[in-house]
Protein backbone atom coordinates (compact mmCIF):
# COMPACT_ATOMS: atom_id res chain seq x y z
CA UNK A 1 20.14 14.65 7.32
CA UNK A 2 19.56 12.52 4.10
CA UNK A 3 18.41 9.20 4.00
CA UNK A 4 22.01 7.52 3.00
CA UNK A 5 23.55 9.29 6.28
CA UNK A 6 20.72 8.09 8.26
CA UNK A 7 21.14 4.02 7.57
CA UNK A 8 24.20 1.68 7.64
CA UNK A 9 24.54 0.20 4.28
CA UNK A 10 26.13 -3.57 5.02
CA UNK A 11 27.15 -6.25 2.68
CA UNK A 12 25.17 -9.66 2.76
CA UNK A 13 26.29 -11.48 -0.67
CA UNK A 14 23.89 -12.98 -2.64
CA UNK A 15 21.00 -12.04 -0.52
CA UNK A 16 21.58 -8.06 -1.45
CA UNK A 17 21.87 -5.44 0.62
CA UNK A 18 20.17 -4.44 4.47
CA UNK A 19 19.89 -1.54 5.96
CA UNK A 20 20.29 -0.88 9.41
CA UNK A 21 18.77 2.26 11.46
CA UNK A 22 21.59 3.09 13.65
CA UNK A 23 20.88 2.57 17.49
CA UNK A 24 20.38 5.67 19.47
CA UNK A 25 20.90 4.38 23.02
CA UNK A 26 23.58 2.14 24.64
CA UNK A 27 22.24 -1.88 25.86
CA UNK A 28 20.53 -4.45 23.91
CA UNK A 29 18.53 -3.18 20.51
CA UNK A 30 15.08 -4.49 19.64
CA UNK A 31 16.08 -6.05 16.30
CA UNK A 32 12.95 -5.77 13.75
CA UNK A 33 13.43 -7.47 10.33
CA UNK A 34 11.43 -7.00 6.88
CA UNK A 35 12.05 -6.68 3.15
CA UNK A 36 11.13 -4.51 0.67
CA UNK A 37 11.18 -3.65 -3.12
CA UNK A 38 14.17 -1.18 -3.34
CA UNK A 39 14.71 -2.29 -6.72
CA UNK A 40 12.54 -3.91 -9.47
CA UNK A 41 9.38 -2.73 -10.98
CA UNK A 42 7.80 -2.28 -7.03
CA UNK A 43 10.78 0.03 -6.10
CA UNK A 44 8.86 3.60 -6.94
CA UNK A 45 6.28 3.12 -4.08
CA UNK A 46 8.54 0.52 -1.88
CA UNK A 47 10.70 3.84 -1.42
CA UNK A 48 8.17 5.57 0.65
CA UNK A 49 7.63 2.28 2.95
CA UNK A 50 11.10 2.45 3.64
CA UNK A 51 11.10 6.49 4.46
CA UNK A 52 8.13 5.95 6.39
CA UNK A 53 9.57 2.96 8.29
CA UNK A 54 12.87 5.08 9.00
CA UNK A 55 10.41 8.20 10.76
CA UNK A 56 8.79 5.58 12.57
CA UNK A 57 11.70 4.12 14.22
CA UNK A 58 13.34 7.69 14.55
CA UNK A 59 10.41 8.57 16.47
CA UNK A 60 9.93 5.38 18.54
CA UNK A 61 13.40 5.88 19.46
CA UNK A 62 13.35 9.17 20.55
CA UNK A 63 9.89 8.15 22.69
CA UNK A 64 12.36 5.68 24.21
CA UNK A 65 12.14 2.80 22.40
CA UNK A 66 9.96 -0.32 22.98
CA UNK A 67 9.73 -1.47 26.47
CA UNK A 68 13.10 -0.27 27.34
CA UNK A 69 14.79 -1.04 24.37
CA UNK A 70 15.70 0.69 21.79
CA UNK A 71 15.09 -0.46 17.95
CA UNK A 72 16.97 -1.38 14.91
CA UNK A 73 15.22 -1.90 12.27
CA UNK A 74 17.16 -4.03 9.73
CA UNK A 75 15.49 -4.02 6.29
CA UNK A 76 16.60 -6.38 3.00
CA UNK A 77 15.97 -5.57 -0.51
CA UNK A 78 14.14 -8.16 -1.99
CA UNK A 79 14.06 -6.77 -5.88
CA UNK A 80 10.00 -7.46 -6.29
CA UNK A 81 10.82 -11.02 -6.00
CA UNK A 82 8.54 -13.20 -3.96
CA UNK A 83 10.95 -15.98 -3.63
CA UNK A 84 13.79 -13.69 -2.76
CA UNK A 85 11.64 -12.03 -0.04
CA UNK A 86 11.16 -15.48 1.07
CA UNK A 87 15.01 -16.27 1.46
CA UNK A 88 15.72 -13.14 3.13
CA UNK A 89 12.69 -13.82 6.08
CA UNK A 90 14.04 -16.92 6.56
CA UNK A 91 17.79 -15.34 6.92
CA UNK A 92 16.10 -12.75 8.96
CA UNK A 93 14.73 -15.18 11.73
CA UNK A 94 17.59 -17.97 11.54
CA UNK A 95 21.17 -16.14 11.00
CA UNK A 96 20.11 -12.02 11.71
CA UNK A 97 17.99 -13.53 14.65
CA UNK A 98 15.78 -10.86 14.83
CA UNK A 99 13.21 -10.11 17.74
CA UNK A 100 10.25 -8.97 15.40
CA UNK A 101 8.97 -8.86 12.17
CA UNK A 102 7.39 -6.50 9.73
CA UNK A 103 5.81 -7.12 6.62
CA UNK A 104 7.06 -6.19 2.83
CA UNK A 105 5.23 -4.40 0.35
CA UNK A 106 3.11 -6.16 -2.26
CA UNK A 107 0.91 -9.17 -1.91
CA UNK A 108 3.16 -12.06 -3.38
CA UNK A 109 6.18 -10.90 -0.98
CA UNK A 110 3.69 -10.72 1.61
CA UNK A 111 2.56 -14.22 1.28
CA UNK A 112 6.11 -15.09 1.05
CA UNK A 113 7.26 -13.78 4.49
CA UNK A 114 3.59 -15.03 6.09
CA UNK A 115 4.86 -18.58 5.10
CA UNK A 116 8.04 -18.01 6.94
CA UNK A 117 6.69 -15.98 9.73
CA UNK A 118 4.29 -19.10 10.36
CA UNK A 119 7.13 -21.79 9.95
CA UNK A 120 8.48 -19.96 13.00
CA UNK A 121 5.61 -18.70 14.92
CA UNK A 122 6.47 -14.67 14.70
CA UNK A 123 3.85 -11.97 14.43
CA UNK A 124 3.65 -10.60 10.98
CA UNK A 125 2.06 -7.11 10.58
CA UNK A 126 1.80 -6.28 6.68
CA UNK A 127 1.12 -2.87 4.80
CA UNK A 128 -0.46 -3.84 1.31
CA UNK A 129 -1.96 -7.83 1.15
CA UNK A 130 -4.19 -7.54 -1.31
CA UNK A 131 -6.20 -10.90 -1.03
CA UNK A 132 -7.77 -11.40 2.51
CA UNK A 133 -8.88 -15.38 1.64
CA UNK A 134 -5.39 -16.00 1.43
CA UNK A 135 -4.00 -14.90 4.93
CA UNK A 136 -4.66 -18.28 6.72
CA UNK A 137 -2.24 -17.32 9.56
CA UNK A 138 -3.66 -16.43 12.92
CA UNK A 139 -0.52 -14.45 14.09
CA UNK A 140 -0.71 -11.98 10.64
CA UNK A 141 -2.55 -8.61 11.28
CA UNK A 142 -3.33 -6.75 8.11
CA UNK A 143 -2.58 -2.55 7.95
CA UNK A 144 -4.45 -2.62 4.56
CA UNK A 145 -8.02 -2.08 5.77
CA UNK A 146 -9.69 -3.21 2.91
CA UNK A 147 -11.94 -5.98 5.00
CA UNK A 148 -12.43 -9.16 3.87
CA UNK A 149 -14.41 -9.43 0.77
CA UNK A 150 -12.72 -6.07 -1.12
CA UNK A 151 -13.31 -7.76 -4.55
CA UNK A 152 -17.01 -6.87 -3.85
CA UNK A 153 -16.61 -3.72 -1.41
CA UNK A 154 -14.39 -1.56 -3.02
CA UNK A 155 -15.70 -2.16 -6.52
CA UNK A 156 -19.44 -1.11 -4.90
CA UNK A 157 -17.84 1.84 -3.63
CA UNK A 158 -16.48 2.92 -7.19
CA UNK A 159 -19.94 1.93 -8.88
CA UNK A 160 -21.94 3.83 -5.84
CA UNK A 161 -19.79 7.05 -6.32
CA UNK A 162 -20.18 6.61 -10.35
CA UNK A 163 -23.83 5.82 -10.12
CA UNK A 164 -24.51 9.12 -8.19
CA UNK A 165 -22.33 11.53 -10.72
CA UNK A 166 -23.94 13.51 -13.62
CA UNK A 167 -23.29 11.21 -16.19
CA UNK A 168 -23.07 7.69 -14.92
CA UNK A 169 -21.23 5.37 -17.64
CA UNK A 170 -22.66 2.72 -19.43
CA UNK A 171 -19.55 0.74 -20.78
CA UNK A 172 -16.42 -0.35 -19.36
CA UNK A 173 -13.45 -1.94 -20.33
CA UNK A 174 -11.53 -3.60 -17.98
CA UNK A 175 -7.81 -3.84 -18.60
CA UNK A 176 -5.41 -5.51 -16.04
CA UNK A 177 -1.92 -7.03 -14.89
CA UNK A 178 -1.96 -10.69 -13.67
CA UNK A 179 -0.16 -9.57 -10.48
CA UNK A 180 -1.90 -11.60 -8.11
CA UNK A 181 -4.03 -9.32 -5.92
CA UNK A 182 -4.72 -6.69 -8.86
CA UNK A 183 -5.94 -9.95 -11.13
CA UNK A 184 -7.98 -10.88 -7.86
CA UNK A 185 -9.43 -7.39 -7.45
CA UNK A 186 -10.23 -7.06 -11.17
CA UNK A 187 -12.08 -10.07 -11.73
CA UNK A 188 -14.18 -8.99 -8.92
CA UNK A 189 -14.90 -5.65 -10.26
CA UNK A 190 -15.69 -7.25 -13.65
CA UNK A 191 -18.64 -9.25 -11.91
CA UNK A 192 -19.62 -6.54 -9.95
CA UNK A 193 -19.88 -4.01 -12.73
CA UNK A 194 -21.62 -7.13 -14.57
CA UNK A 195 -24.10 -7.05 -11.66
CA UNK A 196 -24.19 -3.16 -11.62
CA UNK A 197 -25.95 -3.46 -15.61
CA UNK A 198 -22.29 -2.08 -17.15
CA UNK A 199 -21.58 -3.41 -20.59
CA UNK A 200 -18.06 -5.13 -20.57
CA UNK A 201 -16.76 -4.08 -24.26
CA UNK A 202 -13.23 -5.18 -23.50
CA UNK A 203 -11.44 -7.46 -21.14
CA UNK A 204 -7.63 -7.81 -21.52
CA UNK A 205 -4.84 -9.12 -19.34
CA UNK A 206 -0.64 -8.34 -18.82
CA UNK A 207 2.16 -10.29 -17.46
CA UNK A 208 3.59 -8.26 -14.58
CA UNK A 209 6.76 -6.40 -15.60
CA UNK A 210 5.07 -6.04 -19.11
CA UNK A 211 6.31 -2.31 -20.87
CA UNK A 212 4.88 -2.62 -24.09
CA UNK A 213 1.03 -0.92 -23.74
CA UNK A 214 0.80 0.22 -27.21
CA UNK A 215 -1.43 -2.79 -28.13
CA UNK A 216 -3.70 -2.34 -25.03
CA UNK A 217 -3.77 1.42 -25.64
CA UNK A 218 -4.95 0.28 -29.23
CA UNK A 219 -7.60 -1.80 -28.13
CA UNK A 220 -9.03 -0.03 -25.51
CA UNK A 221 -9.39 3.30 -27.93
CA UNK A 222 -10.91 0.79 -30.63
CA UNK A 223 -13.60 -0.17 -27.93
CA UNK A 224 -14.26 3.09 -26.42
CA UNK A 225 -15.66 2.79 -23.14
CA UNK A 226 -16.92 5.53 -21.01
CA UNK A 227 -14.80 3.93 -17.74
CA UNK A 228 -11.37 2.39 -18.30
CA UNK A 229 -10.86 0.13 -15.04
CA UNK A 230 -6.83 -0.26 -15.14
CA UNK A 231 -5.60 -3.38 -12.86
CA UNK A 232 -2.21 -1.52 -12.27
CA UNK A 233 0.43 -1.64 -9.84
CA UNK A 234 3.68 1.02 -9.68
CA UNK A 235 4.37 2.49 -12.95
CA UNK A 236 1.92 0.06 -15.06
CA UNK A 237 -0.58 2.76 -15.34
CA UNK A 238 1.36 5.80 -16.04
CA UNK A 239 3.11 3.87 -19.18
CA UNK A 240 -0.67 2.76 -20.63
CA UNK A 241 -1.76 6.16 -20.11
CA UNK A 242 1.22 7.21 -21.98
CA UNK A 243 0.81 4.90 -24.85
CA UNK A 244 -2.97 5.96 -25.36
CA UNK A 245 -1.42 9.48 -25.39
CA UNK A 246 0.63 8.44 -27.97
CA UNK A 247 -2.36 7.50 -30.20
CA UNK A 248 -4.23 10.46 -29.31
CA UNK A 249 -6.60 8.78 -26.99
CA UNK A 250 -7.95 9.91 -23.64
CA UNK A 251 -10.21 7.66 -21.21
CA UNK A 252 -13.37 9.64 -20.34
CA UNK A 253 -12.78 8.13 -16.82
CA UNK A 254 -10.01 5.89 -15.53
CA UNK A 255 -9.89 4.01 -12.55
CA UNK A 256 -6.58 2.61 -11.11
CA UNK A 257 -6.17 0.34 -8.34
CA UNK A 258 -2.57 0.44 -7.19
CA UNK A 259 -0.53 3.36 -8.97
CA UNK A 260 2.55 4.75 -8.11
CA UNK A 261 1.21 7.82 -6.22
CA UNK A 262 3.63 10.39 -7.35
CA UNK A 263 3.94 9.43 -10.73
CA UNK A 264 0.75 9.75 -11.24
CA UNK A 265 0.31 13.16 -10.00
CA UNK A 266 2.75 14.40 -11.98
CA UNK A 267 1.87 13.43 -15.09
CA UNK A 268 -0.15 15.25 -17.39
CA UNK A 269 -2.17 12.18 -18.40
CA UNK A 270 -3.22 11.49 -14.89
CA UNK A 271 -5.50 14.00 -14.46
CA UNK A 272 -8.84 13.12 -13.17
CA UNK A 273 -7.40 9.75 -12.26
CA UNK A 274 -9.24 7.85 -10.02
CA UNK A 275 -8.10 4.96 -7.35
CA UNK A 276 -9.03 3.54 -3.96
CA UNK A 277 -6.76 5.16 -0.47
CA UNK A 278 -7.32 4.71 3.02
CA UNK A 279 -5.85 8.61 4.07
CA UNK A 280 -5.00 11.72 2.05
CA UNK A 281 -3.04 14.51 3.48
CA UNK A 282 -6.22 16.63 3.99
CA UNK A 283 -9.15 17.18 6.33
CA UNK A 284 -10.85 15.26 7.76
CA UNK A 285 -8.05 12.49 8.09
CA UNK A 286 -5.73 15.53 9.33
CA UNK A 287 -7.73 16.67 11.78
CA UNK A 288 -5.77 14.26 14.21
CA UNK A 289 -2.87 15.29 15.92
CA UNK A 290 -0.67 12.33 15.01
CA UNK A 291 -1.86 12.13 11.36
CA UNK A 292 -0.81 15.93 11.17
CA UNK A 293 2.41 15.43 12.97
CA UNK A 294 3.48 13.07 10.55
CA UNK A 295 2.37 14.66 7.62
CA UNK A 296 4.44 17.73 8.29
CA UNK A 297 7.49 15.53 9.15
CA UNK A 298 6.89 13.41 5.67
CA UNK A 299 6.74 16.26 3.71
CA UNK A 300 10.12 17.48 4.99
CA UNK A 301 11.87 14.46 4.59
CA UNK A 302 10.78 13.53 1.25
CA UNK A 303 11.56 16.50 -0.22
CA UNK A 304 14.89 16.20 1.24
CA UNK A 305 15.09 12.78 -0.27
CA UNK A 306 14.14 13.44 -3.70
CA UNK A 307 11.07 11.36 -3.87
CA UNK A 308 8.74 12.02 -6.54
CA UNK A 309 6.04 13.09 -4.44
CA UNK A 310 6.05 14.38 -1.03
CA UNK A 311 2.32 13.83 -0.27
CA UNK A 312 1.37 11.53 2.04
CA UNK A 313 -1.38 9.17 0.54
CA UNK A 314 -2.31 5.55 1.04
CA UNK A 315 0.96 3.61 0.91
CA UNK A 316 2.71 6.31 3.25
CA UNK A 317 -0.56 5.90 5.34
CA UNK A 318 -0.43 2.05 5.19
CA UNK A 319 3.20 1.65 6.11
CA UNK A 320 2.54 4.21 9.26
CA UNK A 321 -0.46 2.26 10.91
CA UNK A 322 1.48 -1.02 10.13
CA UNK A 323 4.31 0.54 12.41
CA UNK A 324 1.23 1.64 14.71
CA UNK A 325 -0.16 -1.90 14.90
CA UNK A 326 2.99 -3.42 15.63
CA UNK A 327 4.08 -0.64 18.55
CA UNK A 328 0.59 -1.17 20.05
CA UNK A 329 0.47 -4.86 19.88
CA UNK A 330 4.08 -4.87 22.09
CA UNK A 331 3.16 -2.55 24.57
CA UNK A 332 -0.65 -3.75 24.91
CA UNK A 333 0.98 -7.15 25.65
CA UNK A 334 3.66 -5.88 27.81
CA UNK A 335 5.92 -8.20 26.19
CA UNK A 336 8.33 -9.22 22.96
CA UNK A 337 6.58 -12.57 23.22
CA UNK A 338 4.77 -13.15 19.56
CA UNK A 339 2.17 -15.44 20.48
CA UNK A 340 1.17 -12.72 23.68
CA UNK A 341 1.35 -9.91 20.75
CA UNK A 342 -0.95 -11.80 18.69
CA UNK A 343 -3.18 -12.54 21.22
CA UNK A 344 -3.45 -8.73 22.36
CA UNK A 345 -4.06 -7.59 18.73
CA UNK A 346 -7.20 -9.89 18.27
CA UNK A 347 -9.04 -8.88 21.04
CA UNK A 348 -8.48 -4.95 20.66
CA UNK A 349 -8.60 -2.50 18.52
CA UNK A 350 -5.61 -0.21 17.63
CA UNK A 351 -6.08 3.56 16.54
CA UNK A 352 -4.09 4.32 13.50
CA UNK A 353 -4.06 7.39 11.38
CA UNK A 354 -6.32 6.02 9.05
CA UNK A 355 -8.79 5.26 11.50
CA UNK A 356 -9.95 2.53 14.67
CA UNK A 357 -8.73 -1.05 13.14
CA UNK A 358 -9.86 -4.52 14.39
CA UNK A 359 -8.46 -7.99 13.55
CA UNK A 360 -11.40 -10.13 14.86
CA UNK A 361 -12.92 -10.35 11.32
CA UNK A 362 -12.18 -13.15 8.78
CA UNK A 363 -8.44 -13.65 8.45
CA UNK A 364 -7.88 -11.07 10.88
CA UNK A 365 -9.56 -8.65 8.93
CA UNK A 366 -11.81 -6.22 10.38
CA UNK A 367 -13.80 -2.93 8.37
CA UNK A 368 -13.38 -1.76 4.87
CA UNK A 369 -12.06 1.65 5.34
CA UNK A 370 -11.32 2.38 1.51
CA UNK A 371 -12.28 5.86 -0.12
CA UNK A 372 -12.08 6.70 -3.61
CA UNK A 373 -9.74 9.46 -4.54
CA UNK A 374 -8.99 11.57 -7.66
CA UNK A 375 -6.10 13.34 -9.49
CA UNK A 376 -7.33 17.26 -9.19
CA UNK A 377 -4.70 20.20 -9.44
CA UNK A 378 -1.72 17.70 -9.37
CA UNK A 379 -2.94 16.44 -6.06
CA UNK A 380 -4.79 13.33 -4.64
CA UNK A 381 -8.13 14.46 -3.11
CA UNK A 382 -10.69 11.94 -1.64
CA UNK A 383 -14.05 12.59 -3.56
CA UNK A 384 -16.10 9.68 -2.23
CA UNK A 385 -17.57 8.81 0.61
CA UNK A 386 -18.82 12.80 0.78
CA UNK A 387 -18.02 12.82 4.63
CA UNK A 388 -14.47 12.44 3.82
CA UNK A 389 -14.12 14.48 0.73
CA UNK A 390 -11.17 17.02 0.63
CA UNK A 391 -13.13 20.59 1.08
CA UNK A 392 -14.72 21.69 -1.63
CA UNK A 393 -13.51 18.24 -3.83
CA UNK A 394 -16.11 16.46 -5.81
CA UNK A 395 -15.90 13.88 -8.44
CA UNK A 396 -14.52 15.49 -11.90
CA UNK A 397 -15.38 14.31 -15.36
CA UNK A 398 -14.83 15.14 -19.15
């Protein structure tokens, strides 16, 4: 069954389109509302989140729904625009009168949704919020397990791995989008690199939505760094690597923050690309039964949907974990009351496919569970820390 046949498309005027997963049993459905960047520069990754949500809701309904009610997921297209996401979440609460909310994809949209959730005292579980210090609302819960200080911890993980390699880099070029969470993480990486003694030979920024990476590629080539830190999101990293190819330049090492996972593995220029992750579809992650089952289903459905990458990786895992958190909160509280759900989540740990999450740290963040992965043989494979590395996988360097 295709995605289009599983979903019901309804018009919502200027607000864009909404997708409603059909109710599988009679009675009052439990309506969960959210937005995703189904169009715009973030759509390549948001389609992964859409597919994961559809899979999870179907599985949930086959298990009897939540507290005896079948679940209906209402999804609206925020077009990769945080301001539109804010408007659509207002509609979901006031006009559509959904029972619960699920967060969108990407930091800007999540922050917009968080403001609406706070105004109406709604729980907001979200997938990929990259600036924990901005998460001030006590009833928001992150599935993005990068800890409360990712600008330091994620960078240190990368540099720990490189320091242990056969040829640690001595110089670094940092080129980054001004997309809020990306910029935040890149500035943190810049400071950690300085503390580690790496010489910065280039620092450049670009506006989110930029498509001309030729001048940036030329500046990187001239700087000739040992390591290129790319603060990219979506297809930006692919466009920068393609621009480098046109001038016959291949970076010795290139690290990406939030690349579109499928396009990066499919591109020849993506070989040996490094990035952060919370889950990849290989042991030890797939040793857990729920994770292994999800990988199998997602592989099949992603192939049927024609997605560019059918593998479960960081984005799919964050999305699935978000749904696991929301389900755990409802079942643990034995209620659909937002305040009771939030109280349960703050006091209890939740088992997800990426590990056990807690929400009792600053901004409801818990442990940093991020790992470093690399494109090897057309697939993402964890290479750091060694205890989570894919069987036989080690860091590959030119």
